[in-house]
PDB file of N, CA and C in Angstrom:
ATOM      1  N   UNK A   1     -38.352  46.757  -6.026  1.00  0.00           N
ATOM      2  CA  UNK A   1     -37.743  45.676  -4.958  1.00  0.00           C
ATOM      3  C   UNK A   1     -36.811  46.668  -4.627  1.00  0.00           C
ATOM      4  N   UNK A   2     -37.114  46.808  -3.254  1.00  0.00           N
ATOM      5  CA  UNK A   2     -35.895  47.054  -2.168  1.00  0.00           C
ATOM      6  C   UNK A   2     -34.659  46.050  -1.738  1.00  0.00           C
ATOM      7  N   UNK A   3     -33.739  46.644  -0.972  1.00  0.00           N
ATOM      8  CA  UNK A   3     -32.813  45.415  -0.749  1.00  0.00           C
ATOM      9  C   UNK A   3     -32.985  44.740   0.160  1.00  0.00           C
ATOM     10  N   UNK A   4     -34.318  44.698   1.055  1.00  0.00           N
ATOM     11  CA  UNK A   4     -34.693  43.745   2.008  1.00  0.00           C
ATOM     12  C   UNK A   4     -35.202  42.605   1.167  1.00  0.00           C
ATOM     13  N   UNK A   5     -36.463  43.125   0.322  1.00  0.00           N
ATOM     14  CA  UNK A   5     -36.756  41.377  -0.514  1.00  0.00           C
ATOM     15  C   UNK A   5     -35.709  40.979  -1.060  1.00  0.00           C
ATOM     16  N   UNK A   6     -34.703  41.807  -1.826  1.00  0.00           N
ATOM     17  CA  UNK A   6     -33.695  41.175  -2.573  1.00  0.00           C
ATOM     18  C   UNK A   6     -33.016  40.140  -2.245  1.00  0.00           C
ATOM     19  N   UNK A   7     -32.628  40.500  -0.648  1.00  0.00           N
ATOM     20  CA  UNK A   7     -32.136  39.429   0.136  1.00  0.00           C
ATOM     21  C   UNK A   7     -33.225  38.316   0.498  1.00  0.00           C
ATOM     22  N   UNK A   8     -34.123  38.734   0.546  1.00  0.00           N
ATOM     23  CA  UNK A   8     -35.006  37.570   1.439  1.00  0.00           C
ATOM     24  C   UNK A   8     -35.522  36.894   0.341  1.00  0.00           C
ATOM     25  N   UNK A   9     -35.428  36.973  -1.195  1.00  0.00           N
ATOM     26  CA  UNK A   9     -36.173  36.436  -2.407  1.00  0.00           C
ATOM     27  C   UNK A   9     -34.454  35.407  -3.052  1.00  0.00           C
ATOM     28  N   UNK A  10     -33.659  36.293  -3.219  1.00  0.00           N
ATOM     29  CA  UNK A  10     -32.877  35.527  -3.908  1.00  0.00           C
ATOM     30  C   UNK A  10     -31.173  35.464  -3.073  1.00  0.00           C
ATOM     31  N   UNK A  11     -30.882  36.466  -2.327  1.00  0.00           N
ATOM     32  CA  UNK A  11     -29.517  35.941  -1.522  1.00  0.00           C
ATOM     33  C   UNK A  11     -29.647  34.872  -0.604  1.00  0.00           C
ATOM     34  N   UNK A  12     -30.783  34.760   0.107  1.00  0.00           N
ATOM     35  CA  UNK A  12     -31.019  33.986   1.224  1.00  0.00           C
ATOM     36  C   UNK A  12     -30.823  32.301   1.003  1.00  0.00           C
ATOM     37  N   UNK A  13     -32.148  32.407  -0.096  1.00  0.00           N
ATOM     38  CA  UNK A  13     -32.240  31.234  -0.981  1.00  0.00           C
ATOM     39  C   UNK A  13     -30.638  30.566  -1.229  1.00  0.00           C
ATOM     40  N   UNK A  14     -30.194  31.621  -2.126  1.00  0.00           N
ATOM     41  CA  UNK A  14     -28.386  31.021  -3.000  1.00  0.00           C
ATOM     42  C   UNK A  14     -27.690  30.858  -2.203  1.00  0.00           C
ATOM     43  N   UNK A  15     -27.381  31.833  -0.796  1.00  0.00           N
ATOM     44  CA  UNK A  15     -26.574  31.172   0.106  1.00  0.00           C
ATOM     45  C   UNK A  15     -27.002  29.676   0.803  1.00  0.00           C
ATOM     46  N   UNK A  16     -28.113  29.253   0.723  1.00  0.00           N
ATOM     47  CA  UNK A  16     -28.908  28.317   1.424  1.00  0.00           C
ATOM     48  C   UNK A  16     -28.349  27.215   0.750  1.00  0.00           C
ATOM     49  N   UNK A  17     -28.438  27.496  -0.673  1.00  0.00           N
ATOM     50  CA  UNK A  17     -27.931  26.597  -1.836  1.00  0.00           C
ATOM     51  C   UNK A  17     -26.371  25.897  -1.366  1.00  0.00           C
ATOM     52  N   UNK A  18     -25.849  27.251  -1.744  1.00  0.00           N
ATOM     53  CA  UNK A  18     -24.586  27.498  -1.899  1.00  0.00           C
ATOM     54  C   UNK A  18     -23.640  26.510  -0.417  1.00  0.00           C
ATOM     55  N   UNK A  19     -24.240  26.378   0.401  1.00  0.00           N
ATOM     56  CA  UNK A  19     -23.808  25.756   1.979  1.00  0.00           C
ATOM     57  C   UNK A  19     -24.242  24.446   2.001  1.00  0.00           C
ATOM     58  N   UNK A  20     -25.221  24.392   1.427  1.00  0.00           N
ATOM     59  CA  UNK A  20     -25.753  23.088   1.229  1.00  0.00           C
ATOM     60  C   UNK A  20     -25.137  21.907   0.189  1.00  0.00           C
ATOM     61  N   UNK A  21     -24.602  22.508  -1.024  1.00  0.00           N
ATOM     62  CA  UNK A  21     -23.793  21.977  -1.930  1.00  0.00           C
ATOM     63  C   UNK A  21     -22.278  22.008  -0.984  1.00  0.00           C
ATOM     64  N   UNK A  22     -21.525  23.025  -0.317  1.00  0.00           N
ATOM     65  CA  UNK A  22     -20.547  22.890   0.216  1.00  0.00           C
ATOM     66  C   UNK A  22     -20.636  21.869   1.128  1.00  0.00           C
ATOM     67  N   UNK A  23     -21.646  21.574   1.893  1.00  0.00           N
ATOM     68  CA  UNK A  23     -21.563  20.556   2.850  1.00  0.00           C
ATOM     69  C   UNK A  23     -21.334  19.275   2.349  1.00  0.00           C
ATOM     70  N   UNK A  24     -22.556  18.446   1.007  1.00  0.00           N
ATOM     71  CA  UNK A  24     -22.357  17.764   0.312  1.00  0.00           C
ATOM     72  C   UNK A  24     -20.905  17.392  -0.118  1.00  0.00           C
ATOM     73  N   UNK A  25     -19.759  18.592  -0.912  1.00  0.00           N
ATOM     74  CA  UNK A  25     -18.718  18.228  -1.489  1.00  0.00           C
ATOM     75  C   UNK A  25     -18.232  17.988  -0.195  1.00  0.00           C
ATOM     76  N   UNK A  26     -18.139  18.147   1.108  1.00  0.00           N
ATOM     77  CA  UNK A  26     -17.228  17.986   2.042  1.00  0.00           C
ATOM     78  C   UNK A  26     -17.709  16.753   2.653  1.00  0.00           C
ATOM     79  N   UNK A  27     -18.446  15.871   2.683  1.00  0.00           N
ATOM     80  CA  UNK A  27     -18.798  14.573   2.918  1.00  0.00           C
ATOM     81  C   UNK A  27     -18.346  13.770   1.569  1.00  0.00           C
ATOM     82  N   UNK A  28     -18.377  13.913   0.329  1.00  0.00           N
ATOM     83  CA  UNK A  28     -17.968  13.143  -0.820  1.00  0.00           C
ATOM     84  C   UNK A  28     -16.258  13.255  -0.542  1.00  0.00           C
ATOM     85  N   UNK A  29     -15.844  14.309   0.155  1.00  0.00           N
ATOM     86  CA  UNK A  29     -14.621  14.143   0.022  1.00  0.00           C
ATOM     87  C   UNK A  29     -14.080  13.552   1.123  1.00  0.00           C
ATOM     88  N   UNK A  30     -14.409  13.391   1.945  1.00  0.00           N
ATOM     89  CA  UNK A  30     -14.314  12.514   3.066  1.00  0.00           C
ATOM     90  C   UNK A  30     -14.071  10.924   2.610  1.00  0.00           C
ATOM     91  N   UNK A  31     -15.564  10.984   2.141  1.00  0.00           N
ATOM     92  CA  UNK A  31     -15.808   9.407   1.877  1.00  0.00           C
ATOM     93  C   UNK A  31     -14.360   9.256   0.819  1.00  0.00           C
ATOM     94  N   UNK A  32     -13.997   9.704  -0.383  1.00  0.00           N
ATOM     95  CA  UNK A  32     -12.862   9.841  -1.062  1.00  0.00           C
ATOM     96  C   UNK A  32     -11.857   9.543  -0.566  1.00  0.00           C
ATOM     97  N   UNK A  33     -11.693   9.979   0.359  1.00  0.00           N
ATOM     98  CA  UNK A  33     -10.481   9.673   1.630  1.00  0.00           C
ATOM     99  C   UNK A  33      -9.774   8.901   2.630  1.00  0.00           C
ATOM    100  N   UNK A  34     -11.214   8.624   2.916  1.00  0.00           N
ATOM    101  CA  UNK A  34     -11.667   7.399   3.569  1.00  0.00           C
ATOM    102  C   UNK A  34     -11.227   5.934   2.871  1.00  0.00           C
ATOM    103  N   UNK A  35     -11.632   6.007   1.377  1.00  0.00           N
ATOM    104  CA  UNK A  35     -11.218   4.850   0.714  1.00  0.00           C
ATOM    105  C   UNK A  35      -9.761   4.856   0.341  1.00  0.00           C
ATOM    106  N   UNK A  36      -9.541   6.064  -0.164  1.00  0.00           N
ATOM    107  CA  UNK A  36      -7.876   6.146  -0.269  1.00  0.00           C
ATOM    108  C   UNK A  36      -7.233   5.799   0.591  1.00  0.00           C
ATOM    109  N   UNK A  37      -7.310   5.882   1.764  1.00  0.00           N
ATOM    110  CA  UNK A  37      -6.887   5.722   3.415  1.00  0.00           C
ATOM    111  C   UNK A  37      -6.648   3.871   2.994  1.00  0.00           C
ATOM    112  N   UNK A  38      -8.054   3.692   2.938  1.00  0.00           N
ATOM    113  CA  UNK A  38      -7.848   1.929   2.868  1.00  0.00           C
ATOM    114  C   UNK A  38      -7.679   0.945   1.444  1.00  0.00           C
ATOM    115  N   UNK A  39      -7.340   1.806   0.914  1.00  0.00           N
ATOM    116  CA  UNK A  39      -6.453   1.650  -0.616  1.00  0.00           C
ATOM    117  C   UNK A  39      -4.849   1.251  -0.017  1.00  0.00           C
ATOM    118  N   UNK A  40      -4.340   2.489   0.734  1.00  0.00           N
ATOM    119  CA  UNK A  40      -3.239   2.513   0.505  1.00  0.00           C
ATOM    120  C   UNK A  40      -2.155   1.735   2.040  1.00  0.00           C
ATOM    121  N   UNK A  41      -3.628   1.760   2.706  1.00  0.00           N
ATOM    122  CA  UNK A  41      -3.752   0.401   3.720  1.00  0.00           C
ATOM    123  C   UNK A  41      -3.559  -0.936   3.055  1.00  0.00           C
ATOM    124  N   UNK A  42      -4.309  -1.238   2.266  1.00  0.00           N
ATOM    125  CA  UNK A  42      -4.284  -2.431   1.570  1.00  0.00           C
ATOM    126  C   UNK A  42      -3.122  -2.595   0.847  1.00  0.00           C
ATOM    127  N   UNK A  43      -2.759  -1.478  -0.103  1.00  0.00           N
ATOM    128  CA  UNK A  43      -1.065  -1.748  -0.854  1.00  0.00           C
ATOM    129  C   UNK A  43      -0.284  -1.996   0.048  1.00  0.00           C
ATOM    130  N   UNK A  44      -0.021  -1.229   0.936  1.00  0.00           N
ATOM    131  CA  UNK A  44       1.098  -1.142   2.220  1.00  0.00           C
ATOM    132  C   UNK A  44       1.176  -3.064   2.644  1.00  0.00           C
ATOM    133  N   UNK A  45      -0.202  -3.572   2.821  1.00  0.00           N
ATOM    134  CA  UNK A  45      -0.228  -4.401   3.339  1.00  0.00           C
ATOM    135  C   UNK A  45       0.871  -5.872   2.394  1.00  0.00           C
ATOM    136  N   UNK A  46       0.073  -5.745   0.866  1.00  0.00           N
ATOM    137  CA  UNK A  46       0.046  -6.588  -0.164  1.00  0.00           C
ATOM    138  C   UNK A  46       1.916  -5.849  -0.328  1.00  0.00           C
ATOM    139  N   UNK A  47       2.475  -4.962  -0.270  1.00  0.00           N
ATOM    140  CA  UNK A  47       4.048  -5.086  -0.896  1.00  0.00           C
ATOM    141  C   UNK A  47       4.694  -5.411   0.275  1.00  0.00           C
ATOM    142  N   UNK A  48       4.095  -5.250   1.626  1.00  0.00           N
ATOM    143  CA  UNK A  48       4.955  -5.808   2.634  1.00  0.00           C
ATOM    144  C   UNK A  48       4.973  -6.927   2.739  1.00  0.00           C
ATOM    145  N   UNK A  49       3.815  -7.876   2.166  1.00  0.00           N
ATOM    146  CA  UNK A  49       4.027  -9.107   2.258  1.00  0.00           C
ATOM    147  C   UNK A  49       4.555  -9.866   0.826  1.00  0.00           C
ATOM    148  N   UNK A  50       4.899  -9.020   0.030  1.00  0.00           N
ATOM    149  CA  UNK A  50       5.750  -9.081  -1.260  1.00  0.00           C
ATOM    150  C   UNK A  50       6.974  -9.268  -0.814  1.00  0.00           C
ATOM    151  N   UNK A  51       7.360  -7.941  -0.280  1.00  0.00           N
ATOM    152  CA  UNK A  51       9.019  -8.151  -0.032  1.00  0.00           C
ATOM    153  C   UNK A  51       9.646  -9.144   0.927  1.00  0.00           C
ATOM    154  N   UNK A  52       8.419  -9.398   1.889  1.00  0.00           N
ATOM    155  CA  UNK A  52       9.081 -10.826   3.069  1.00  0.00           C
ATOM    156  C   UNK A  52       9.082 -11.950   2.196  1.00  0.00           C
ATOM    157  N   UNK A  53       8.187 -12.196   1.107  1.00  0.00           N
ATOM    158  CA  UNK A  53       8.300 -13.453   0.484  1.00  0.00           C
ATOM    159  C   UNK A  53       9.478 -13.807  -0.575  1.00  0.00           C
ATOM    160  N   UNK A  54       9.786 -12.335  -0.784  1.00  0.00           N
ATOM    161  CA  UNK A  54      10.740 -12.425  -1.930  1.00  0.00           C
ATOM    162  C   UNK A  54      12.362 -12.624  -0.951  1.00  0.00           C
ATOM    163  N   UNK A  55      11.953 -12.003   0.168  1.00  0.00           N
ATOM    164  CA  UNK A  55      13.227 -12.470   1.108  1.00  0.00           C
ATOM    165  C   UNK A  55      13.824 -13.487   1.734  1.00  0.00           C
ATOM    166  N   UNK A  56      12.167 -14.389   1.945  1.00  0.00           N
ATOM    167  CA  UNK A  56      12.505 -15.822   2.309  1.00  0.00           C
ATOM    168  C   UNK A  56      12.716 -16.701   0.905  1.00  0.00           C
ATOM    169  N   UNK A  57      12.840 -15.997  -0.056  1.00  0.00           N
ATOM    170  CA  UNK A  57      13.209 -16.619  -1.549  1.00  0.00           C
ATOM    171  C   UNK A  57      14.303 -16.296  -1.191  1.00  0.00           C
ATOM    172  N   UNK A  58      15.051 -15.843  -1.622  1.00  0.00           N
ATOM    173  CA  UNK A  58      16.396 -15.437  -1.590  1.00  0.00           C
ATOM    174  C   UNK A  58      17.443 -16.507  -0.490  1.00  0.00           C
ATOM    175  N   UNK A  59      16.528 -16.564   0.616  1.00  0.00           N
ATOM    176  CA  UNK A  59      17.228 -17.086   1.811  1.00  0.00           C
ATOM    177  C   UNK A  59      17.651 -18.516   1.355  1.00  0.00           C
ATOM    178  N   UNK A  60      15.708 -18.732   1.103  1.00  0.00           N
ATOM    179  CA  UNK A  60      15.981 -20.624   0.206  1.00  0.00           C
ATOM    180  C   UNK A  60      16.743 -20.833  -0.720  1.00  0.00           C
ATOM    181  N   UNK A  61      16.671 -19.988  -1.917  1.00  0.00           N
ATOM    182  CA  UNK A  61      18.060 -19.961  -2.535  1.00  0.00           C
ATOM    183  C   UNK A  61      19.536 -20.237  -2.545  1.00  0.00           C
ATOM    184  N   UNK A  62      19.648 -19.275  -1.430  1.00  0.00           N
ATOM    185  CA  UNK A  62      21.213 -19.475  -0.555  1.00  0.00           C
ATOM    186  C   UNK A  62      21.179 -20.776   0.031  1.00  0.00           C
ATOM    187  N   UNK A  63      20.394 -21.268   0.752  1.00  0.00           N
ATOM    188  CA  UNK A  63      20.312 -22.258   1.304  1.00  0.00           C
ATOM    189  C   UNK A  63      20.677 -23.166   0.569  1.00  0.00           C
ATOM    190  N   UNK A  64      19.735 -23.997  -0.680  1.00  0.00           N
ATOM    191  CA  UNK A  64      19.733 -24.702  -1.854  1.00  0.00           C
ATOM    192  C   UNK A  64      21.048 -24.754  -2.373  1.00  0.00           C
ATOM    193  N   UNK A  65      21.491 -23.408  -2.464  1.00  0.00           N
ATOM    194  CA  UNK A  65      23.000 -23.510  -3.143  1.00  0.00           C
ATOM    195  C   UNK A  65      24.104 -23.677  -2.542  1.00  0.00           C
ATOM    196  N   UNK A  66      23.957 -23.485  -0.960  1.00  0.00           N
ATOM    197  CA  UNK A  66      25.098 -23.984   0.102  1.00  0.00           C
ATOM    198  C   UNK A  66      25.031 -25.808  -0.080  1.00  0.00           C
ATOM    199  N   UNK A  67      23.846 -26.017   0.269  1.00  0.00           N
ATOM    200  CA  UNK A  67      23.564 -27.443   0.021  1.00  0.00           C
ATOM    201  C   UNK A  67      23.841 -28.518  -0.854  1.00  0.00           C
ATOM    202  N   UNK A  68      23.902 -27.581  -2.164  1.00  0.00           N
ATOM    203  CA  UNK A  68      24.288 -28.042  -3.276  1.00  0.00           C
ATOM    204  C   UNK A  68      25.991 -28.219  -3.422  1.00  0.00           C
ATOM    205  N   UNK A  69      26.396 -27.398  -3.360  1.00  0.00           N
ATOM    206  CA  UNK A  69      27.560 -26.876  -3.189  1.00  0.00           C
ATOM    207  C   UNK A  69      28.386 -27.828  -2.310  1.00  0.00           C
ATOM    208  N   UNK A  70      27.376 -28.693  -1.208  1.00  0.00           N
ATOM    209  CA  UNK A  70      28.415 -29.162   0.030  1.00  0.00           C
ATOM    210  C   UNK A  70      28.270 -30.658  -0.564  1.00  0.00           C
ATOM    211  N   UNK A  71      27.215 -31.222  -1.042  1.00  0.00           N
ATOM    212  CA  UNK A  71      26.852 -32.266  -1.914  1.00  0.00           C
ATOM    213  C   UNK A  71      27.628 -32.506  -2.916  1.00  0.00           C
ATOM    214  N   UNK A  72      28.063 -31.646  -3.695  1.00  0.00           N
ATOM    215  CA  UNK A  72      28.513 -32.331  -5.197  1.00  0.00           C
ATOM    216  C   UNK A  72      30.213 -31.492  -5.070  1.00  0.00           C
ATOM    217  N   UNK A  73      30.377 -31.010  -4.284  1.00  0.00           N
ATOM    218  CA  UNK A  73      31.984 -30.482  -3.923  1.00  0.00           C
ATOM    219  C   UNK A  73      32.966 -31.472  -3.914  1.00  0.00           C
ATOM    220  N   UNK A  74      34.153 -31.981  -4.379  1.00  0.00           N
ATOM    221  CA  UNK A  74      34.584 -32.988  -4.470  1.00  0.00           C
ATOM    222  C   UNK A  74      35.433 -32.672  -2.719  1.00  0.00           C
ATOM    223  N   UNK A  75      35.238 -34.217  -2.079  1.00  0.00           N
ATOM    224  CA  UNK A  75      35.803 -34.457  -0.643  1.00  0.00           C
ATOM    225  C   UNK A  75      37.291 -34.335  -0.854  1.00  0.00           C
ATOM    226  N   UNK A  76      37.903 -33.312  -0.444  1.00  0.00           N
ATOM    227  CA  UNK A  76      39.473 -33.342  -0.515  1.00  0.00           C
ATOM    228  C   UNK A  76      40.051 -33.473   0.687  1.00  0.00           C
ATOM    229  N   UNK A  77      39.389 -33.797   1.881  1.00  0.00           N
ATOM    230  CA  UNK A  77      39.831 -34.195   2.787  1.00  0.00           C
ATOM    231  C   UNK A  77      39.879 -36.019   2.711  1.00  0.00           C
ATOM    232  N   UNK A  78      38.680 -36.703   2.076  1.00  0.00           N
ATOM    233  CA  UNK A  78      38.652 -38.130   2.079  1.00  0.00           C
ATOM    234  C   UNK A  78      40.069 -38.229   0.838  1.00  0.00           C
ATOM    235  N   UNK A  79      40.007 -37.976  -0.250  1.00  0.00           N
ATOM    236  CA  UNK A  79      41.302 -38.065  -1.394  1.00  0.00           C
ATOM    237  C   UNK A  79      42.830 -38.007  -0.505  1.00  0.00           C
ATOM    238  N   UNK A  80      42.464 -36.820   0.425  1.00  0.00           N
ATOM    239  CA  UNK A  80      43.990 -36.717   1.355  1.00  0.00           C
ATOM    240  C   UNK A  80      44.265 -37.877   1.630  1.00  0.00           C
ATOM    241  N   UNK A  81      43.393 -38.253   2.433  1.00  0.00           N
ATOM    242  CA  UNK A  81      43.658 -39.590   3.491  1.00  0.00           C
ATOM    243  C   UNK A  81      43.745 -40.956   2.623  1.00  0.00           C
ATOM    244  N   UNK A  82      43.060 -40.999   1.368  1.00  0.00           N
ATOM    245  CA  UNK A  82      43.381 -42.243   0.486  1.00  0.00           C
ATOM    246  C   UNK A  82      44.615 -42.288   0.458  1.00  0.00           C
ATOM    247  N   UNK A  83      45.317 -40.852  -0.028  1.00  0.00           N
ATOM    248  CA  UNK A  83      46.767 -41.100  -0.861  1.00  0.00           C
ATOM    249  C   UNK A  83      47.678 -41.397   0.523  1.00  0.00           C
ATOM    250  N   UNK A  84      47.771 -41.155   1.180  1.00  0.00           N
ATOM    251  CA  UNK A  84      48.442 -41.694   2.508  1.00  0.00           C
ATOM    252  C   UNK A  84      48.780 -42.833   2.551  1.00  0.00           C
TER     253      UNK A  84
END
């Protein structure tokens, strides 16, 4: 077997198979990257939503405490006027 036959019989099909598999791997990697990016977007949306909700809950709690303190604080101006 000379070099030309070796290249035709062994090397060309081997390189063809190699580049075919390389293309498959690239397609699979792109698919996984796309899925990963979609997952990242979903996580970012969920995180932003949770952060926003937590901030609103904190504001609601602050308002609740403020209202509670206004209604349950002793009215010092009424006591002053009743003593005079």
